[in-house]
Every structure is written in structure tokens, then in C-alpha cells.
Amino acid sequence: MALNSALRRLLCLAAASLWLAGGAAQAQERHIVMASTTSTEQSGLFGHLLPAFKAATGIDVRVVAVGTGQALDMARRGDADVVFVHDTAAEEKFVAEGWSKRRWPVMYNDFVLIGPAADPVQVQGKDIAAALKKIAGAGAGAVFVSRGDKSGTNAAELRLWKVAGVDLAAAKPAGYRECGCGMGPALNIASSMNAYTISDRGTWLNFKNRGELKILVEGDQRLFNQYGVMVVNPERYPQVKAALAQEFADWVTSPAGQAVIAGYKVGGEQAFFPNAKRD
């Protein structure tokens, strides 16, 4: 009887140890899934920002970097806890439809028109509409690489063509090419073809395979590029880790998170500018 009693105690202690170990492992597995854009990843920002967030909170962020449209669709399916993207109109629609309860602005940079240094169509300057009109008018003489992936950059590009008076729905310019790809691959294609393209500045700064490409148009206020963060509504999907996701939203818009963003530089040039607004 004494042996059986001792054995039972040992089994109970072993079970308790396993339970505590399991609980400790669960406690350590504090992570969220973030649906974000290729620009935040390919610019190198997340490699700088997310380790600082984890050091501050202990929360690991698993990033799925796709175009903004795909990131929002991913969140609509309940496959992400937080969204960090750059298409204000689409983000506001996302909130209005109840997929998130609120959007917070986080930071901004700008878009730039990249093209061959020789600039065969002579677009260099500060007027993006005039530049795109020249590219469209050059036909096959000017290749333009569009991401064509429903990303924030692609949405901005399509708006800019409209501002330039070019109706892509009616007829695309002869040199217009859609790759259906992220910003890095689009820049690689533009480099290989010596073509024009629109990029966010952060990815361009971090891009190494430039070939003969350079910035040709910048400084136009219509090239402003705002980023926002949204926690996916847990009322839509109970599995969403809303509390942990909110910790990220709170931190990235806090003075500490904003300072980390401001501190990220590529080649000595600041890639993003914090502009969070919190109540």
C-alpha cells in the first residue's frame, strides 16, 4: 500500500510538472500574425522595428507581407490579428464595414517615379501627372512596370494615372507592363528592362540592384504615402488575439515606437516619418 501511495504521489508530481511546463510554454508563445505590405518588409523597416517591440513587450510578430489589398482580404478571412498597410481609402472602408473598430495613422513617406538615368521621355521634375502623361504618350518607346497586385502602391499608381488624364480602363499605353508582384520584384524587372516604375521611397532606398535606374520625379504632394494600423475586430473572429494586437497598435503609435521608426535610416537617409495621432 505504501509503495502504491508513493507511486501515485510521483505520478501526480510528474503530471503537475508537465502541466506547469505546458503552461510556461503557452505563456512564452505570445505572438500575433500581422498582415502587412511588401514595402514595410522590403524597406528593412520591420527588421529594425519588430525586435524593439518584442524587447519591450515580449510579443513576437509573424509578418505576412503582401500587397495592401491582399493584406486586408487576409484580415477579412480572420487569418490575421493586426493589419499595417498604406491605402487610407481602403483602410477607412475596412473600418466602416466593421472588420476593425478603428484605424490609427502611424507614419508616412512618399512615392517616387523611378526611371532610366538617360530619361528618354524627359520626365524628370516634380510634376507626377505631367511625367505619366509623357510616358503614356511615348507608347512602346517608354516601358512602365506596374505592380498590378492591388497593393497600396498599385492603388496610388492607378489614382495618379487618372490625375494625369490617362484612362487605363479604356486603353493601356503600349509600354505598360503589369507584373502582379511585390515592390522588390517590380524594381528588379524595371532594372532589367531599363523601365519606369513607381516605388515607395523606403523600398527604393533599400534596393541594391538599381542598374541605370534613379529617382526622376519626387516632391509632388500627390506622392504622399500614409501608413495606418488596425486591430482586426474580435467580434467577427473570436480567435483574433485582439489584446496582444492592441499592444502592438499602442506601442507603434507611442513615443517609444515612433522614436524607433524615426531612427530607421538607409544610407543615412530617414526612410519613414512618424505621425501618429492618439486620443
Foldseek 3Di string as FASTA:
>chain_A
DVVVVVVVVVVVVVVVVVVVVVVVVVVLQAEWEEEEAVLCVLLPVCVQQQVVLCVVPVYHYHYDHHAQVVSLVCLVVVNGFKYKAWAVVVVVVSCVVPQFVDKWWWWKAFKFKKFFPVPPLPQFDADLLVSVLSQLVCALVAAEEAQPQNHNQNVLVVVSPVVNVHDVVVPGGNRYHHDNDHPQVSQVVCQVVRHIYMDQQSNVLSHDSNHRMDTRYDDHPSGMIIMMMGGGDCVSPVVRPNVSSVSVNCQSLDPNNQVSQQPDDRPNHRRIHTDIDDD
